[in-house]
Full PDB file with SEQRES, HELIX, SHEET, SSBOND, CRYST1, ORIGX, SCALE, CONECT and MASTER records, all heavy atoms in Angstrom:
SEQRES   1 A   39  ARG ILE LEU ALA ALA VAL ASP ALA LEU ALA LYS THR GLN          
SEQRES   2 A   39  GLY LEU ASP LEU ILE LEU LEU ASP ASP ARG SER LEU THR          
SEQRES   3 A   39  PHE PRO PRO ASP ALA GLN ASP LEU PRO GLU GLN THR VAL          
HELIX    1 AA1 ILE A    2  GLN A   13  1                                  12    
CRYST1    1.000    1.000    1.000  90.00  90.00  90.00 P 1           1          
ORIGX1      1.000000  0.000000  0.000000        0.00000                         
ORIGX2      0.000000  1.000000  0.000000        0.00000                         
ORIGX3      0.000000  0.000000  1.000000        0.00000                         
SCALE1      1.000000  0.000000  0.000000        0.00000                         
SCALE2      0.000000  1.000000  0.000000        0.00000                         
SCALE3      0.000000  0.000000  1.000000        0.00000                         
ATOM      1  N   ARG A   1       0.882  -1.255  -0.002  1.00  0.00           N  
ATOM      2  CA  ARG A   1       0.038  -0.057  -0.096  1.00  0.00           C  
ATOM      3  C   ARG A   1       0.937   1.196  -0.026  1.00  0.00           C  
ATOM      4  O   ARG A   1       0.595   2.309  -0.645  1.00  0.00           O  
ATOM      5  CB  ARG A   1      -0.896  -0.102   1.262  1.00  0.00           C  
ATOM      6  CG  ARG A   1      -2.154  -1.108   1.146  1.00  0.00           C  
ATOM      7  CD  ARG A   1      -3.084  -0.778   2.135  1.00  0.00           C  
ATOM      8  NE  ARG A   1      -2.680  -1.301   3.515  1.00  0.00           N  
ATOM      9  CZ  ARG A   1      -2.663  -2.490   3.898  1.00  0.00           C  
ATOM     10  NH1 ARG A   1      -3.295  -3.395   3.199  1.00  0.00           N  
ATOM     11  NH2 ARG A   1      -2.331  -2.743   5.225  1.00  0.00           N  
ATOM     12  N   ILE A   2       2.061   1.156   0.617  1.00  0.00           N  
ATOM     13  CA  ILE A   2       2.901   2.395   0.583  1.00  0.00           C  
ATOM     14  C   ILE A   2       3.464   2.663  -0.752  1.00  0.00           C  
ATOM     15  O   ILE A   2       3.431   3.793  -1.222  1.00  0.00           O  
ATOM     16  CB  ILE A   2       4.088   2.138   1.606  1.00  0.00           C  
ATOM     17  CG1 ILE A   2       3.638   2.174   3.062  1.00  0.00           C  
ATOM     18  CG2 ILE A   2       5.062   3.320   1.464  1.00  0.00           C  
ATOM     19  CD1 ILE A   2       4.674   1.807   4.057  1.00  0.00           C  
ATOM     20  N   LEU A   3       3.844   1.458  -1.416  1.00  0.00           N  
ATOM     21  CA  LEU A   3       4.283   1.653  -2.795  1.00  0.00           C  
ATOM     22  C   LEU A   3       3.277   2.257  -3.685  1.00  0.00           C  
ATOM     23  O   LEU A   3       3.570   3.165  -4.572  1.00  0.00           O  
ATOM     24  CB  LEU A   3       4.843   0.334  -3.224  1.00  0.00           C  
ATOM     25  CG  LEU A   3       6.047  -0.151  -2.796  1.00  0.00           C  
ATOM     26  CD1 LEU A   3       6.422  -1.600  -3.420  1.00  0.00           C  
ATOM     27  CD2 LEU A   3       7.214   0.732  -2.891  1.00  0.00           C  
ATOM     28  N   ALA A   4       2.094   1.824  -3.422  1.00  0.00           N  
ATOM     29  CA  ALA A   4       0.870   2.397  -4.325  1.00  0.00           C  
ATOM     30  C   ALA A   4       0.580   3.906  -4.188  1.00  0.00           C  
ATOM     31  O   ALA A   4       0.432   4.720  -5.004  1.00  0.00           O  
ATOM     32  CB  ALA A   4      -0.323   1.551  -4.151  1.00  0.00           C  
ATOM     33  N   ALA A   5       0.694   4.197  -2.833  1.00  0.00           N  
ATOM     34  CA  ALA A   5       0.530   5.660  -2.403  1.00  0.00           C  
ATOM     35  C   ALA A   5       1.661   6.468  -2.870  1.00  0.00           C  
ATOM     36  O   ALA A   5       1.535   7.704  -3.254  1.00  0.00           O  
ATOM     37  CB  ALA A   5       0.325   5.694  -0.883  1.00  0.00           C  
ATOM     38  N   VAL A   6       2.863   5.918  -2.756  1.00  0.00           N  
ATOM     39  CA  VAL A   6       4.015   6.645  -3.317  1.00  0.00           C  
ATOM     40  C   VAL A   6       3.883   7.026  -4.794  1.00  0.00           C  
ATOM     41  O   VAL A   6       4.174   8.041  -5.260  1.00  0.00           O  
ATOM     42  CB  VAL A   6       5.300   5.907  -3.039  1.00  0.00           C  
ATOM     43  CG1 VAL A   6       6.473   6.531  -3.869  1.00  0.00           C  
ATOM     44  CG2 VAL A   6       5.705   6.042  -1.512  1.00  0.00           C  
ATOM     45  N   ASP A   7       3.330   5.996  -5.519  1.00  0.00           N  
ATOM     46  CA  ASP A   7       3.178   6.169  -6.997  1.00  0.00           C  
ATOM     47  C   ASP A   7       2.132   7.238  -7.243  1.00  0.00           C  
ATOM     48  O   ASP A   7       2.255   8.113  -8.093  1.00  0.00           O  
ATOM     49  CB  ASP A   7       2.760   4.937  -7.586  1.00  0.00           C  
ATOM     50  CG  ASP A   7       2.561   4.895  -9.130  1.00  0.00           C  
ATOM     51  OD1 ASP A   7       3.591   5.034  -9.859  1.00  0.00           O  
ATOM     52  OD2 ASP A   7       1.422   4.932  -9.580  1.00  0.00           O  
ATOM     53  N   ALA A   8       1.003   7.145  -6.521  1.00  0.00           N  
ATOM     54  CA  ALA A   8      -0.002   8.197  -6.653  1.00  0.00           C  
ATOM     55  C   ALA A   8       0.475   9.527  -6.200  1.00  0.00           C  
ATOM     56  O   ALA A   8       0.154  10.563  -6.990  1.00  0.00           O  
ATOM     57  CB  ALA A   8      -1.314   7.829  -5.830  1.00  0.00           C  
ATOM     58  N   LEU A   9       1.187   9.715  -5.253  1.00  0.00           N  
ATOM     59  CA  LEU A   9       1.639  10.934  -4.801  1.00  0.00           C  
ATOM     60  C   LEU A   9       2.639  11.514  -5.759  1.00  0.00           C  
ATOM     61  O   LEU A   9       2.623  12.763  -6.027  1.00  0.00           O  
ATOM     62  CB  LEU A   9       2.383  10.821  -3.380  1.00  0.00           C  
ATOM     63  CG  LEU A   9       2.920  12.114  -2.741  1.00  0.00           C  
ATOM     64  CD1 LEU A   9       1.725  13.104  -2.446  1.00  0.00           C  
ATOM     65  CD2 LEU A   9       3.830  11.880  -1.497  1.00  0.00           C  
ATOM     66  N   ALA A  10       3.620  10.632  -6.344  1.00  0.00           N  
ATOM     67  CA  ALA A  10       4.472  11.183  -7.331  1.00  0.00           C  
ATOM     68  C   ALA A  10       3.827  11.835  -8.542  1.00  0.00           C  
ATOM     69  O   ALA A  10       4.235  12.804  -9.116  1.00  0.00           O  
ATOM     70  CB  ALA A  10       5.399  10.012  -7.708  1.00  0.00           C  
ATOM     71  N   LYS A  11       2.698  11.139  -8.880  1.00  0.00           N  
ATOM     72  CA  LYS A  11       1.897  11.608 -10.121  1.00  0.00           C  
ATOM     73  C   LYS A  11       1.200  12.896  -9.880  1.00  0.00           C  
ATOM     74  O   LYS A  11       1.201  13.715 -10.653  1.00  0.00           O  
ATOM     75  CB  LYS A  11       0.912  10.485 -10.529  1.00  0.00           C  
ATOM     76  CG  LYS A  11       1.603   9.268 -11.235  1.00  0.00           C  
ATOM     77  CD  LYS A  11       0.477   8.205 -11.543  1.00  0.00           C  
ATOM     78  CE  LYS A  11       1.248   6.915 -12.100  1.00  0.00           C  
ATOM     79  NZ  LYS A  11       0.297   5.812 -12.346  1.00  0.00           N  
ATOM     80  N   THR A  12       0.660  13.069  -8.721  1.00  0.00           N  
ATOM     81  CA  THR A  12      -0.150  14.217  -8.435  1.00  0.00           C  
ATOM     82  C   THR A  12       0.817  15.518  -8.075  1.00  0.00           C  
ATOM     83  O   THR A  12       0.454  16.607  -8.403  1.00  0.00           O  
ATOM     84  CB  THR A  12      -0.894  14.165  -7.152  1.00  0.00           C  
ATOM     85  OG1 THR A  12      -0.161  13.656  -6.014  1.00  0.00           O  
ATOM     86  CG2 THR A  12      -2.024  13.044  -7.375  1.00  0.00           C  
ATOM     87  N   GLN A  13       2.005  15.236  -7.577  1.00  0.00           N  
ATOM     88  CA  GLN A  13       2.954  16.276  -7.258  1.00  0.00           C  
ATOM     89  C   GLN A  13       3.981  16.421  -8.396  1.00  0.00           C  
ATOM     90  O   GLN A  13       4.937  17.298  -8.349  1.00  0.00           O  
ATOM     91  CB  GLN A  13       3.575  16.124  -5.980  1.00  0.00           C  
ATOM     92  CG  GLN A  13       2.671  16.113  -4.823  1.00  0.00           C  
ATOM     93  CD  GLN A  13       3.278  16.330  -3.439  1.00  0.00           C  
ATOM     94  OE1 GLN A  13       4.569  16.539  -3.506  1.00  0.00           O  
ATOM     95  NE2 GLN A  13       2.581  16.440  -2.431  1.00  0.00           N  
ATOM     96  N   GLY A  14       3.916  15.549  -9.514  1.00  0.00           N  
ATOM     97  CA  GLY A  14       4.921  15.708 -10.546  1.00  0.00           C  
ATOM     98  C   GLY A  14       6.440  15.412 -10.201  1.00  0.00           C  
ATOM     99  O   GLY A  14       7.300  15.972 -10.597  1.00  0.00           O  
ATOM    100  N   LEU A  15       6.486  14.407  -9.307  1.00  0.00           N  
ATOM    101  CA  LEU A  15       7.818  13.886  -8.913  1.00  0.00           C  
ATOM    102  C   LEU A  15       8.342  12.808  -9.718  1.00  0.00           C  
ATOM    103  O   LEU A  15       7.699  12.011 -10.141  1.00  0.00           O  
ATOM    104  CB  LEU A  15       7.783  13.357  -7.377  1.00  0.00           C  
ATOM    105  CG  LEU A  15       7.282  14.529  -6.348  1.00  0.00           C  
ATOM    106  CD1 LEU A  15       7.171  13.893  -4.958  1.00  0.00           C  
ATOM    107  CD2 LEU A  15       8.240  15.698  -6.286  1.00  0.00           C  
ATOM    108  N   ASP A  16       9.592  12.863  -9.949  1.00  0.00           N  
ATOM    109  CA  ASP A  16      10.317  11.863 -10.931  1.00  0.00           C  
ATOM    110  C   ASP A  16      10.941  10.810 -10.060  1.00  0.00           C  
ATOM    111  O   ASP A  16      11.118   9.622 -10.472  1.00  0.00           O  
ATOM    112  CB  ASP A  16      11.363  12.484 -11.699  1.00  0.00           C  
ATOM    113  CG  ASP A  16      10.848  13.637 -12.620  1.00  0.00           C  
ATOM    114  OD1 ASP A  16       9.964  13.406 -13.336  1.00  0.00           O  
ATOM    115  OD2 ASP A  16      11.394  14.720 -12.454  1.00  0.00           O  
ATOM    116  N   LEU A  17      11.178  10.980  -8.864  1.00  0.00           N  
ATOM    117  CA  LEU A  17      11.950  10.038  -7.928  1.00  0.00           C  
ATOM    118  C   LEU A  17      11.576  10.277  -6.480  1.00  0.00           C  
ATOM    119  O   LEU A  17      11.599  11.362  -6.095  1.00  0.00           O  
ATOM    120  CB  LEU A  17      13.470  10.259  -8.155  1.00  0.00           C  
ATOM    121  CG  LEU A  17      14.431   9.288  -7.354  1.00  0.00           C  
ATOM    122  CD1 LEU A  17      14.196   7.860  -7.891  1.00  0.00           C  
ATOM    123  CD2 LEU A  17      15.812   9.690  -7.713  1.00  0.00           C  
ATOM    124  N   ILE A  18      11.201   9.104  -5.660  1.00  0.00           N  
ATOM    125  CA  ILE A  18      10.991   9.256  -4.385  1.00  0.00           C  
ATOM    126  C   ILE A  18      11.918   8.181  -3.623  1.00  0.00           C  
ATOM    127  O   ILE A  18      11.931   6.974  -3.972  1.00  0.00           O  
ATOM    128  CB  ILE A  18       9.493   9.068  -3.995  1.00  0.00           C  
ATOM    129  CG1 ILE A  18       8.681  10.155  -4.559  1.00  0.00           C  
ATOM    130  CG2 ILE A  18       9.357   9.045  -2.489  1.00  0.00           C  
ATOM    131  CD1 ILE A  18       7.230  10.044  -4.318  1.00  0.00           C  
ATOM    132  N   LEU A  19      12.744   8.673  -2.627  1.00  0.00           N  
ATOM    133  CA  LEU A  19      13.625   7.742  -2.000  1.00  0.00           C  
ATOM    134  C   LEU A  19      13.348   7.765  -0.640  1.00  0.00           C  
ATOM    135  O   LEU A  19      12.667   8.585   0.032  1.00  0.00           O  
ATOM    136  CB  LEU A  19      15.153   8.458  -2.120  1.00  0.00           C  
ATOM    137  CG  LEU A  19      15.612   8.554  -3.543  1.00  0.00           C  
ATOM    138  CD1 LEU A  19      16.941   9.365  -3.390  1.00  0.00           C  
ATOM    139  CD2 LEU A  19      15.827   7.208  -4.167  1.00  0.00           C  
ATOM    140  N   LEU A  20      13.732   6.617   0.146  1.00  0.00           N  
ATOM    141  CA  LEU A  20      13.685   6.471   1.570  1.00  0.00           C  
ATOM    142  C   LEU A  20      14.702   7.373   2.166  1.00  0.00           C  
ATOM    143  O   LEU A  20      15.883   7.429   1.775  1.00  0.00           O  
ATOM    144  CB  LEU A  20      13.816   4.993   1.995  1.00  0.00           C  
ATOM    145  CG  LEU A  20      12.672   4.071   1.805  1.00  0.00           C  
ATOM    146  CD1 LEU A  20      13.149   2.730   2.219  1.00  0.00           C  
ATOM    147  CD2 LEU A  20      11.441   4.491   2.549  1.00  0.00           C  
ATOM    148  N   ASP A  21      14.354   8.169   3.110  1.00  0.00           N  
ATOM    149  CA  ASP A  21      15.139   9.133   3.769  1.00  0.00           C  
ATOM    150  C   ASP A  21      15.933   8.369   4.777  1.00  0.00           C  
ATOM    151  O   ASP A  21      15.647   7.945   5.734  1.00  0.00           O  
ATOM    152  CB  ASP A  21      14.420  10.224   4.547  1.00  0.00           C  
ATOM    153  CG  ASP A  21      15.336  11.274   5.152  1.00  0.00           C  
ATOM    154  OD1 ASP A  21      16.565  11.168   4.958  1.00  0.00           O  
ATOM    155  OD2 ASP A  21      14.800  12.221   5.829  1.00  0.00           O  
ATOM    156  N   ASP A  22      17.270   8.054   4.396  1.00  0.00           N  
ATOM    157  CA  ASP A  22      18.252   7.423   5.406  1.00  0.00           C  
ATOM    158  C   ASP A  22      19.272   8.393   5.953  1.00  0.00           C  
ATOM    159  O   ASP A  22      20.300   7.806   6.340  1.00  0.00           O  
ATOM    160  CB  ASP A  22      18.818   6.232   4.663  1.00  0.00           C  
ATOM    161  CG  ASP A  22      19.704   6.571   3.574  1.00  0.00           C  
ATOM    162  OD1 ASP A  22      19.805   7.748   3.093  1.00  0.00           O  
ATOM    163  OD2 ASP A  22      20.337   5.655   2.915  1.00  0.00           O  
ATOM    164  N   ARG A  23      18.922   9.543   6.057  1.00  0.00           N  
ATOM    165  CA  ARG A  23      20.070  10.499   6.503  1.00  0.00           C  
ATOM    166  C   ARG A  23      20.361  10.129   8.021  1.00  0.00           C  
ATOM    167  O   ARG A  23      21.405  10.570   8.445  1.00  0.00           O  
ATOM    168  CB  ARG A  23      19.500  12.001   6.423  1.00  0.00           C  
ATOM    169  CG  ARG A  23      19.460  12.440   4.983  1.00  0.00           C  
ATOM    170  CD  ARG A  23      18.916  13.876   4.962  1.00  0.00           C  
ATOM    171  NE  ARG A  23      17.411  13.830   5.270  1.00  0.00           N  
ATOM    172  CZ  ARG A  23      16.734  14.950   5.561  1.00  0.00           C  
ATOM    173  NH1 ARG A  23      17.240  16.099   5.363  1.00  0.00           N  
ATOM    174  NH2 ARG A  23      15.487  14.820   5.803  1.00  0.00           N  
ATOM    175  N   SER A  24      19.443   9.592   8.693  1.00  0.00           N  
ATOM    176  CA  SER A  24      19.836   9.152  10.145  1.00  0.00           C  
ATOM    177  C   SER A  24      20.765   8.080  10.244  1.00  0.00           C  
ATOM    178  O   SER A  24      21.353   7.772  11.367  1.00  0.00           O  
ATOM    179  CB  SER A  24      18.470   8.887  10.825  1.00  0.00           C  
ATOM    180  OG  SER A  24      17.759   7.763  10.180  1.00  0.00           O  
ATOM    181  N   LEU A  25      21.086   7.382   9.084  1.00  0.00           N  
ATOM    182  CA  LEU A  25      21.964   6.225   9.172  1.00  0.00           C  
ATOM    183  C   LEU A  25      23.388   6.977   9.154  1.00  0.00           C  
ATOM    184  O   LEU A  25      23.875   7.291   8.269  1.00  0.00           O  
ATOM    185  CB  LEU A  25      21.756   5.301   7.853  1.00  0.00           C  
ATOM    186  CG  LEU A  25      22.711   4.139   7.683  1.00  0.00           C  
ATOM    187  CD1 LEU A  25      22.558   3.187   8.926  1.00  0.00           C  
ATOM    188  CD2 LEU A  25      22.498   3.455   6.410  1.00  0.00           C  
ATOM    189  N   THR A  26      23.987   6.744  10.309  1.00  0.00           N  
ATOM    190  CA  THR A  26      25.311   7.182  10.432  1.00  0.00           C  
ATOM    191  C   THR A  26      26.009   6.524  11.550  1.00  0.00           C  
ATOM    192  O   THR A  26      25.555   5.522  12.154  1.00  0.00           O  
ATOM    193  CB  THR A  26      25.327   8.727  10.682  1.00  0.00           C  
ATOM    194  OG1 THR A  26      26.649   9.196  10.748  1.00  0.00           O  
ATOM    195  CG2 THR A  26      24.698   9.072  12.067  1.00  0.00           C  
ATOM    196  N   PHE A  27      27.254   6.855  11.897  1.00  0.00           N  
ATOM    197  CA  PHE A  27      27.953   6.120  12.898  1.00  0.00           C  
ATOM    198  C   PHE A  27      27.418   6.660  14.306  1.00  0.00           C  
ATOM    199  O   PHE A  27      26.927   7.701  14.491  1.00  0.00           O  
ATOM    200  CB  PHE A  27      29.392   6.571  12.828  1.00  0.00           C  
ATOM    201  CG  PHE A  27      30.154   6.338  11.527  1.00  0.00           C  
ATOM    202  CD1 PHE A  27      30.526   7.226  10.751  1.00  0.00           C  
ATOM    203  CD2 PHE A  27      30.309   4.870  11.193  1.00  0.00           C  
ATOM    204  CE1 PHE A  27      31.058   6.905   9.524  1.00  0.00           C  
ATOM    205  CE2 PHE A  27      31.027   4.518  10.027  1.00  0.00           C  
ATOM    206  CZ  PHE A  27      31.372   5.579   9.122  1.00  0.00           C  
ATOM    207  N   PRO A  28      27.362   5.601  15.247  1.00  0.00           N  
ATOM    208  CA  PRO A  28      26.862   6.026  16.536  1.00  0.00           C  
ATOM    209  C   PRO A  28      27.740   7.033  17.100  1.00  0.00           C  
ATOM    210  O   PRO A  28      28.951   7.098  16.964  1.00  0.00           O  
ATOM    211  CB  PRO A  28      27.047   4.539  17.319  1.00  0.00           C  
ATOM    212  CG  PRO A  28      26.989   3.611  16.369  1.00  0.00           C  
ATOM    213  CD  PRO A  28      27.616   4.179  15.057  1.00  0.00           C  
ATOM    214  N   PRO A  29      27.279   8.010  17.783  1.00  0.00           N  
ATOM    215  CA  PRO A  29      28.079   9.084  18.426  1.00  0.00           C  
ATOM    216  C   PRO A  29      29.181   8.673  19.274  1.00  0.00           C  
ATOM    217  O   PRO A  29      30.043   9.327  19.427  1.00  0.00           O  
ATOM    218  CB  PRO A  29      26.935  10.017  19.195  1.00  0.00           C  
ATOM    219  CG  PRO A  29      25.864   9.001  19.434  1.00  0.00           C  
ATOM    220  CD  PRO A  29      25.850   8.141  18.229  1.00  0.00           C  
ATOM    221  N   ASP A  30      29.076   7.613  20.013  1.00  0.00           N  
ATOM    222  CA  ASP A  30      29.989   7.136  21.003  1.00  0.00           C  
ATOM    223  C   ASP A  30      30.842   5.927  20.432  1.00  0.00           C  
ATOM    224  O   ASP A  30      31.515   5.299  21.151  1.00  0.00           O  
ATOM    225  CB  ASP A  30      29.432   6.663  22.295  1.00  0.00           C  
ATOM    226  CG  ASP A  30      28.381   5.631  22.067  1.00  0.00           C  
ATOM    227  OD1 ASP A  30      27.834   5.496  20.936  1.00  0.00           O  
ATOM    228  OD2 ASP A  30      27.809   5.048  23.103  1.00  0.00           O  
ATOM    229  N   ALA A  31      30.688   5.771  19.040  1.00  0.00           N  
ATOM    230  CA  ALA A  31      31.394   4.509  18.513  1.00  0.00           C  
ATOM    231  C   ALA A  31      32.914   4.765  18.420  1.00  0.00           C  
ATOM    232  O   ALA A  31      33.310   5.936  17.973  1.00  0.00           O  
ATOM    233  CB  ALA A  31      30.854   4.327  17.059  1.00  0.00           C  
ATOM    234  N   GLN A  32      33.645   3.807  18.795  1.00  0.00           N  
ATOM    235  CA  GLN A  32      35.116   3.960  18.784  1.00  0.00           C  
ATOM    236  C   GLN A  32      35.650   2.484  18.232  1.00  0.00           C  
ATOM    237  O   GLN A  32      35.172   1.474  18.566  1.00  0.00           O  
ATOM    238  CB  GLN A  32      35.726   4.214  20.139  1.00  0.00           C  
ATOM    239  CG  GLN A  32      35.291   5.620  20.534  1.00  0.00           C  
ATOM    240  CD  GLN A  32      36.012   5.978  21.795  1.00  0.00           C  
ATOM    241  OE1 GLN A  32      36.550   5.225  22.579  1.00  0.00           O  
ATOM    242  NE2 GLN A  32      35.722   7.276  22.310  1.00  0.00           N  
ATOM    243  N   ASP A  33      36.855   2.605  17.602  1.00  0.00           N  
ATOM    244  CA  ASP A  33      37.509   1.476  17.131  1.00  0.00           C  
ATOM    245  C   ASP A  33      36.617   0.544  16.320  1.00  0.00           C  
ATOM    246  O   ASP A  33      36.652  -0.691  16.708  1.00  0.00           O  
ATOM    247  CB  ASP A  33      38.125   0.745  18.379  1.00  0.00           C  
ATOM    248  CG  ASP A  33      39.015   1.653  19.089  1.00  0.00           C  
ATOM    249  OD1 ASP A  33      39.709   2.494  18.444  1.00  0.00           O  
ATOM    250  OD2 ASP A  33      39.130   1.499  20.498  1.00  0.00           O  
ATOM    251  N   LEU A  34      35.865   0.896  15.329  1.00  0.00           N  
ATOM    252  CA  LEU A  34      34.976   0.167  14.700  1.00  0.00           C  
ATOM    253  C   LEU A  34      35.818  -0.577  13.614  1.00  0.00           C  
ATOM    254  O   LEU A  34      36.708  -0.044  13.048  1.00  0.00           O  
ATOM    255  CB  LEU A  34      33.962   1.023  13.922  1.00  0.00           C  
ATOM    256  CG  LEU A  34      32.867   1.628  14.699  1.00  0.00           C  
ATOM    257  CD1 LEU A  34      31.910   2.465  13.922  1.00  0.00           C  
ATOM    258  CD2 LEU A  34      31.984   0.663  15.559  1.00  0.00           C  
ATOM    259  N   PRO A  35      35.439  -1.930  13.375  1.00  0.00           N  
ATOM    260  CA  PRO A  35      36.180  -2.567  12.243  1.00  0.00           C  
ATOM    261  C   PRO A  35      36.034  -2.065  10.962  1.00  0.00           C  
ATOM    262  O   PRO A  35      34.841  -1.327  10.673  1.00  0.00           O  
ATOM    263  CB  PRO A  35      35.564  -3.971  12.390  1.00  0.00           C  
ATOM    264  CG  PRO A  35      34.899  -4.084  13.709  1.00  0.00           C  
ATOM    265  CD  PRO A  35      34.446  -2.664  14.091  1.00  0.00           C  
ATOM    266  N   GLU A  36      36.874  -2.263   9.987  1.00  0.00           N  
ATOM    267  CA  GLU A  36      36.873  -1.701   8.634  1.00  0.00           C  
ATOM    268  C   GLU A  36      35.568  -2.127   7.968  1.00  0.00           C  
ATOM    269  O   GLU A  36      34.892  -1.349   7.323  1.00  0.00           O  
ATOM    270  CB  GLU A  36      38.058  -2.083   7.811  1.00  0.00           C  
ATOM    271  CG  GLU A  36      37.998  -1.510   6.442  1.00  0.00           C  
ATOM    272  CD  GLU A  36      39.207  -1.950   5.650  1.00  0.00           C  
ATOM    273  OE1 GLU A  36      39.783  -2.964   6.069  1.00  0.00           O  
ATOM    274  OE2 GLU A  36      39.400  -1.520   4.457  1.00  0.00           O  
ATOM    275  N   GLN A  37      35.081  -3.394   8.124  1.00  0.00           N  
ATOM    276  CA  GLN A  37      33.986  -3.902   7.470  1.00  0.00           C  
ATOM    277  C   GLN A  37      32.759  -3.166   7.992  1.00  0.00           C  
ATOM    278  O   GLN A  37      31.868  -2.890   7.151  1.00  0.00           O  
ATOM    279  CB  GLN A  37      33.786  -5.401   7.695  1.00  0.00           C  
ATOM    280  CG  GLN A  37      32.661  -6.059   6.849  1.00  0.00           C  
ATOM    281  CD  GLN A  37      32.969  -5.828   5.385  1.00  0.00           C  
ATOM    282  OE1 GLN A  37      34.030  -6.119   4.818  1.00  0.00           O  
ATOM    283  NE2 GLN A  37      31.842  -5.513   4.655  1.00  0.00           N  
ATOM    284  N   THR A  38      32.617  -2.896   9.262  1.00  0.00           N  
ATOM    285  CA  THR A  38      31.426  -2.164   9.798  1.00  0.00           C  
ATOM    286  C   THR A  38      31.385  -0.803   9.230  1.00  0.00           C  
ATOM    287  O   THR A  38      30.299  -0.280   8.958  1.00  0.00           O  
ATOM    288  CB  THR A  38      31.537  -2.190  11.330  1.00  0.00           C  
ATOM    289  OG1 THR A  38      31.594  -3.479  11.870  1.00  0.00           O  
ATOM    290  CG2 THR A  38      30.399  -1.470  11.895  1.00  0.00           C  
ATOM    291  N   VAL A  39      32.521  -0.132   9.174  1.00  0.00           N  
ATOM    292  CA  VAL A  39      32.545   1.254   8.673  1.00  0.00           C  
ATOM    293  C   VAL A  39      32.036   1.225   7.223  1.00  0.00           C  
ATOM    294  O   VAL A  39      31.262   2.024   6.765  1.00  0.00           O  
ATOM    295  CB  VAL A  39      33.902   1.838   8.809  1.00  0.00           C  
ATOM    296  CG1 VAL A  39      34.005   3.289   8.177  1.00  0.00           C  
ATOM    297  CG2 VAL A  39      34.230   2.048  10.271  1.00  0.00           C  
TER     298      VAL A  39                                                      
MASTER        0    0    0    1    0    0    0    6  297    1    0    3          
END                                                                             
């Protein structure tokens, strides 16, 4: 239902692309000595 609503919203607002907002995805503020793979 979210995908269908996104498609409808894009058409009504003239949007070409809608992305999930992942700006909150970042390193933990207290993270230290993280392995390279995790980074």
